[in-house]
Amino acid sequence: MRISSRPARSALALTAVLALGTACGGGEGSEAADLTPAASSAAEETAAPDLASGLLPADAFGADASVVAISPEQLEQGAGLAASGAEDLQITPEACAGAVAGTQPKFDDFDDVAAQSATGAAATTVQILVRGGPTEGGAGQLATAAERCPQAQVTSPQFGQATITFEQLPVDDLGDAAALLRYTTVVSAPDGTSVTVPALIGAVEDGDRLLILMSLETAALAGGAPGAPVDPAAFAGLLAQAHDTQAEALD
């Protein structure tokens, strides 16, 4: 997808930076990113099912979606870009810093990581599944983000000025804990133009696994009219399907 303006590039990049930080423990004390999954001798010894078998099938994202696996190398590259952008973020009020300025999770703390992205006409959905390691609390971190920080102002040399609005949404009782959040990023340029990127993000804890699902509305960033907004109820349904898929494959 071609990004046609600096505000558009900034909106997409900032939204991506905030997404994983909010969902995966982006509170105070988080360490710098390292998205290279660790080799796990314990996982090999127990012959656990391949984690990727717990990802959603391609047809779950719709007939028009292009679904590709995200390799550990691609995750590592993306983490480096996001972490470099997050370092310069200035966030007000101060109480919001833990909700929106978290660093990327250290995926090498987990035994296994699998991920994929699905790009459709109006949105891109990213699914990440991790196993082993500090999975407990991931959904709780997301569930309290809107309460801790309903709205924040973000400024950085790389992204310019932005307003982030958080809203907690209803979600089914999934796994050990589940949460769903809508957050809207509005990036403003000095020339008065702005770009709005609505996003949805959900997380489910299930035993030693943590499921993360994100959807970014990206149609407007290509320079055209925005597509139909992602339906939160439909996204919640996809999150439930993702939970059931991984549970059936991996339990």
Protein backbone atom coordinates (compact mmCIF):
# COMPACT_ATOMS: atom_id res chain seq x y z
CA MET A 1 0.00 0.00 0.00
CA ARG A 2 1.42 3.37 -1.03
CA ILE A 3 1.38 6.05 1.69
CA SER A 4 0.78 9.40 0.05
CA SER A 5 1.70 11.97 2.69
CA ARG A 6 3.83 12.54 5.77
CA PRO A 7 0.79 12.70 8.13
CA ALA A 8 -0.40 9.40 6.69
CA ARG A 9 2.96 7.73 7.20
CA SER A 10 3.15 9.17 10.71
CA ALA A 11 -0.34 8.00 11.62
CA LEU A 12 0.30 4.44 10.49
CA ALA A 13 3.73 4.27 12.11
CA LEU A 14 2.56 5.77 15.40
CA THR A 15 -0.45 3.47 15.54
CA ALA A 16 1.83 0.48 15.02
CA VAL A 17 4.20 1.67 17.76
CA LEU A 18 1.38 2.07 20.26
CA ALA A 19 -0.47 -1.12 19.42
CA LEU A 20 1.89 -3.77 20.74
CA GLY A 21 3.13 -1.59 23.57
CA THR A 22 -0.41 -1.19 24.89
CA ALA A 23 -1.34 -4.84 24.51
CA CYS A 24 1.85 -6.49 25.71
CA GLY A 25 2.77 -4.94 29.00
CA GLY A 26 3.78 -1.46 27.93
CA GLY A 27 3.79 -0.15 31.44
CA GLU A 28 6.53 1.35 33.52
CA GLY A 29 9.66 -0.74 33.75
CA SER A 30 9.30 -2.45 30.37
CA GLU A 31 12.57 -3.26 28.68
CA ALA A 32 13.72 -2.55 25.15
CA ALA A 33 12.49 -4.65 22.27
CA ASP A 34 13.95 -7.90 21.11
CA LEU A 35 11.52 -9.82 18.93
CA THR A 36 13.77 -12.76 18.13
CA PRO A 37 12.09 -15.87 19.57
CA ALA A 38 14.35 -17.93 21.78
CA ALA A 39 15.16 -21.51 20.85
CA SER A 40 13.39 -23.65 23.41
CA SER A 41 14.88 -27.03 24.26
CA ALA A 42 12.02 -27.60 26.70
CA ALA A 43 9.44 -27.17 23.94
CA GLU A 44 11.36 -29.56 21.72
CA GLU A 45 11.60 -32.17 24.45
CA THR A 46 7.87 -32.15 25.13
CA ALA A 47 7.07 -32.22 21.39
CA ALA A 48 4.39 -29.53 21.78
CA PRO A 49 2.22 -28.94 18.71
CA ASP A 50 3.55 -26.41 16.22
CA LEU A 51 2.32 -23.03 17.46
CA ALA A 52 1.56 -21.85 13.93
CA SER A 53 -1.10 -24.56 13.72
CA GLY A 54 -3.08 -22.48 16.21
CA LEU A 55 -3.31 -19.44 13.92
CA LEU A 56 -6.54 -18.63 12.09
CA PRO A 57 -7.03 -20.15 8.63
CA ALA A 58 -6.73 -17.68 5.75
CA ASP A 59 -10.44 -17.81 4.91
CA ALA A 60 -11.32 -16.48 8.38
CA PHE A 61 -10.18 -13.01 7.25
CA GLY A 62 -12.48 -12.88 4.22
CA ALA A 63 -12.19 -13.80 0.57
CA ASP A 64 -10.47 -10.53 -0.41
CA ALA A 65 -7.71 -10.72 2.20
CA SER A 66 -4.10 -11.48 1.34
CA VAL A 67 -2.69 -13.54 4.23
CA VAL A 68 1.05 -13.96 4.81
CA ALA A 69 3.11 -15.40 7.63
CA ILE A 70 5.28 -13.00 9.62
CA SER A 71 8.72 -14.48 10.20
CA PRO A 72 10.84 -13.94 13.33
CA GLU A 73 13.19 -11.83 11.18
CA GLN A 74 10.34 -9.57 10.07
CA LEU A 75 9.14 -9.22 13.66
CA GLU A 76 12.65 -8.28 14.71
CA GLN A 77 12.91 -5.67 11.98
CA GLY A 78 9.54 -4.18 12.87
CA ALA A 79 10.46 -4.09 16.54
CA GLY A 80 13.57 -2.09 15.79
CA LEU A 81 11.64 0.52 13.81
CA ALA A 82 8.90 0.78 16.44
CA ALA A 83 11.29 0.97 19.35
CA SER A 84 13.32 3.74 17.72
CA GLY A 85 10.12 5.75 17.24
CA ALA A 86 8.82 5.12 20.75
CA GLU A 87 12.01 6.42 22.35
CA ASP A 88 11.24 10.02 21.35
CA LEU A 89 7.56 10.09 22.33
CA GLN A 90 6.48 12.84 24.73
CA ILE A 91 3.12 11.97 26.29
CA THR A 92 0.70 14.07 28.35
CA PRO A 93 -0.89 13.71 30.80
CA GLU A 94 1.85 11.88 32.68
CA ALA A 95 -0.59 9.21 33.85
CA CYS A 96 -0.93 8.06 30.24
CA ALA A 97 2.75 7.22 29.78
CA GLY A 98 2.32 3.64 30.91
CA ALA A 99 -0.67 3.09 28.64
CA VAL A 100 0.66 4.44 25.35
CA ALA A 101 4.44 4.67 25.50
CA GLY A 102 5.32 1.09 26.36
CA THR A 103 8.24 -0.50 24.61
CA GLN A 104 7.72 -3.56 22.47
CA PRO A 105 7.46 -6.88 24.30
CA LYS A 106 10.56 -9.03 24.62
CA PHE A 107 9.41 -11.99 22.59
CA ASP A 108 12.59 -13.86 23.41
CA ASP A 109 11.10 -14.23 26.90
CA PHE A 110 8.64 -16.71 25.34
CA ASP A 111 9.31 -20.26 24.25
CA ASP A 112 7.55 -19.89 20.90
CA VAL A 113 6.08 -17.15 18.68
CA ALA A 114 3.87 -17.38 15.57
CA ALA A 115 2.33 -14.49 13.63
CA GLN A 116 0.54 -13.59 10.42
CA SER A 117 -1.03 -10.57 8.73
CA ALA A 118 -4.13 -10.31 6.56
CA THR A 119 -4.51 -7.29 4.28
CA GLY A 120 -7.92 -6.48 2.85
CA ALA A 121 -9.41 -3.55 0.96
CA ALA A 122 -9.93 -1.38 4.03
CA ALA A 123 -7.91 -2.87 6.89
CA THR A 124 -4.93 -4.94 7.88
CA THR A 125 -5.30 -7.50 10.66
CA VAL A 126 -2.29 -8.88 12.53
CA GLN A 127 -2.45 -12.01 14.69
CA ILE A 128 0.33 -12.91 17.14
CA LEU A 129 0.38 -16.04 19.27
CA VAL A 130 3.01 -16.63 21.96
CA ARG A 131 3.55 -19.63 24.22
CA GLY A 132 5.50 -20.00 27.46
CA GLY A 133 6.95 -17.11 29.39
CA PRO A 134 5.21 -14.09 30.97
CA THR A 135 1.76 -14.43 29.38
CA GLU A 136 -0.20 -13.69 32.57
CA GLY A 137 -1.46 -10.12 32.79
CA GLY A 138 -1.41 -9.31 29.08
CA ALA A 139 -5.20 -9.05 28.78
CA GLY A 140 -5.45 -7.18 32.08
CA GLN A 141 -2.97 -4.57 30.86
CA LEU A 142 -5.18 -3.98 27.83
CA ALA A 143 -8.43 -4.01 29.80
CA THR A 144 -7.34 -1.14 32.06
CA ALA A 145 -5.73 1.05 29.36
CA ALA A 146 -8.87 3.10 28.66
CA GLU A 147 -9.55 3.58 32.37
CA ARG A 148 -5.99 4.75 33.02
CA CYS A 149 -5.83 6.94 29.93
CA PRO A 150 -9.03 7.79 28.00
CA GLN A 151 -7.13 10.35 25.90
CA ALA A 152 -3.51 11.38 25.48
CA GLN A 153 -1.49 13.95 23.54
CA VAL A 154 1.64 12.59 21.89
CA THR A 155 4.49 14.58 20.36
CA SER A 156 7.72 13.42 18.73
CA PRO A 157 10.16 14.69 16.08
CA GLN A 158 9.39 11.63 13.97
CA PHE A 159 5.58 11.58 14.17
CA GLY A 160 4.67 15.21 14.88
CA GLN A 161 1.63 15.82 17.09
CA ALA A 162 -1.12 13.32 17.69
CA THR A 163 -4.15 12.69 19.86
CA ILE A 164 -4.85 9.15 21.00
CA THR A 165 -8.30 8.20 22.27
CA PHE A 166 -8.89 4.85 24.03
CA GLU A 167 -12.21 3.07 24.52
CA GLN A 168 -12.78 -0.29 26.17
CA LEU A 169 -15.23 -2.52 24.26
CA PRO A 170 -17.28 -5.56 25.29
CA VAL A 171 -15.74 -8.97 24.67
CA ASP A 172 -16.78 -12.56 25.31
CA ASP A 173 -15.53 -14.50 28.31
CA LEU A 174 -12.59 -16.20 26.60
CA GLY A 175 -9.77 -18.29 28.02
CA ASP A 176 -8.44 -17.20 31.40
CA ALA A 177 -8.85 -13.48 30.63
CA ALA A 178 -9.79 -11.38 27.60
CA ALA A 179 -9.95 -7.70 26.66
CA LEU A 180 -10.85 -5.59 23.65
CA LEU A 181 -9.89 -1.95 23.04
CA ARG A 182 -10.57 0.62 20.34
CA TYR A 183 -8.05 3.40 19.98
CA THR A 184 -8.04 6.20 17.45
CA THR A 185 -4.88 8.01 16.39
CA VAL A 186 -5.18 11.49 14.85
CA VAL A 187 -1.86 12.88 13.58
CA SER A 188 -1.71 16.61 12.73
CA ALA A 189 0.82 18.22 10.37
CA PRO A 190 2.12 21.81 10.55
CA ASP A 191 0.21 22.66 7.35
CA GLY A 192 -3.08 21.93 9.07
CA THR A 193 -3.73 18.55 7.45
CA SER A 194 -4.41 15.48 9.55
CA VAL A 195 -4.91 11.75 9.22
CA THR A 196 -7.11 9.56 11.42
CA VAL A 197 -6.40 5.86 11.92
CA PRO A 198 -8.98 3.91 13.97
CA ALA A 199 -7.69 0.61 15.33
CA LEU A 200 -8.99 -2.34 17.32
CA ILE A 201 -6.86 -4.60 19.49
CA GLY A 202 -7.78 -7.66 21.52
CA ALA A 203 -5.90 -10.04 23.78
CA VAL A 204 -6.75 -13.42 25.29
CA GLU A 205 -4.77 -15.33 27.92
CA ASP A 206 -5.18 -19.11 27.67
CA GLY A 207 -2.96 -21.17 29.94
CA ASP A 208 0.65 -20.60 28.91
CA ARG A 209 -0.41 -18.85 25.68
CA LEU A 210 -1.25 -15.23 24.87
CA LEU A 211 -3.23 -14.33 21.75
CA ILE A 212 -3.05 -10.80 20.30
CA LEU A 213 -5.24 -9.59 17.43
CA MET A 214 -5.00 -6.10 15.90
CA SER A 215 -6.85 -4.41 13.07
CA LEU A 216 -5.70 -1.11 11.53
CA GLU A 217 -7.92 0.76 9.09
CA THR A 218 -5.44 1.65 6.37
CA ALA A 219 -7.55 2.47 3.30
CA ALA A 220 -7.43 6.23 3.90
CA LEU A 221 -3.65 6.14 4.16
CA ALA A 222 -3.38 5.25 0.47
CA GLY A 223 -4.80 8.64 -0.45
CA GLY A 224 -8.36 7.51 -1.11
CA ALA A 225 -11.59 7.73 0.81
CA PRO A 226 -11.81 5.75 4.05
CA GLY A 227 -13.40 2.34 3.78
CA ALA A 228 -16.21 1.08 5.96
CA PRO A 229 -15.10 1.09 9.61
CA VAL A 230 -14.20 -2.26 11.11
CA ASP A 231 -17.23 -3.49 13.06
CA PRO A 232 -16.22 -4.02 16.70
CA ALA A 233 -18.74 -6.85 17.03
CA ALA A 234 -17.30 -8.59 13.98
CA PHE A 235 -13.78 -8.10 15.32
CA ALA A 236 -14.85 -9.53 18.69
CA GLY A 237 -16.23 -12.51 16.81
CA LEU A 238 -12.93 -12.96 15.00
CA LEU A 239 -11.10 -12.78 18.33
CA ALA A 240 -13.36 -15.50 19.71
CA GLN A 241 -12.74 -17.61 16.60
CA ALA A 242 -8.99 -17.08 16.99
CA HIS A 243 -9.20 -18.23 20.61
CA ASP A 244 -11.19 -21.34 19.71
CA THR A 245 -8.82 -22.18 16.84
CA GLN A 246 -5.70 -22.09 18.99
CA ALA A 247 -7.39 -23.96 21.82
CA GLU A 248 -8.53 -26.78 19.53
CA ALA A 249 -5.11 -27.06 17.87
CA LEU A 250 -2.88 -26.72 20.90
CA ASP A 251 -4.70 -28.02 24.00
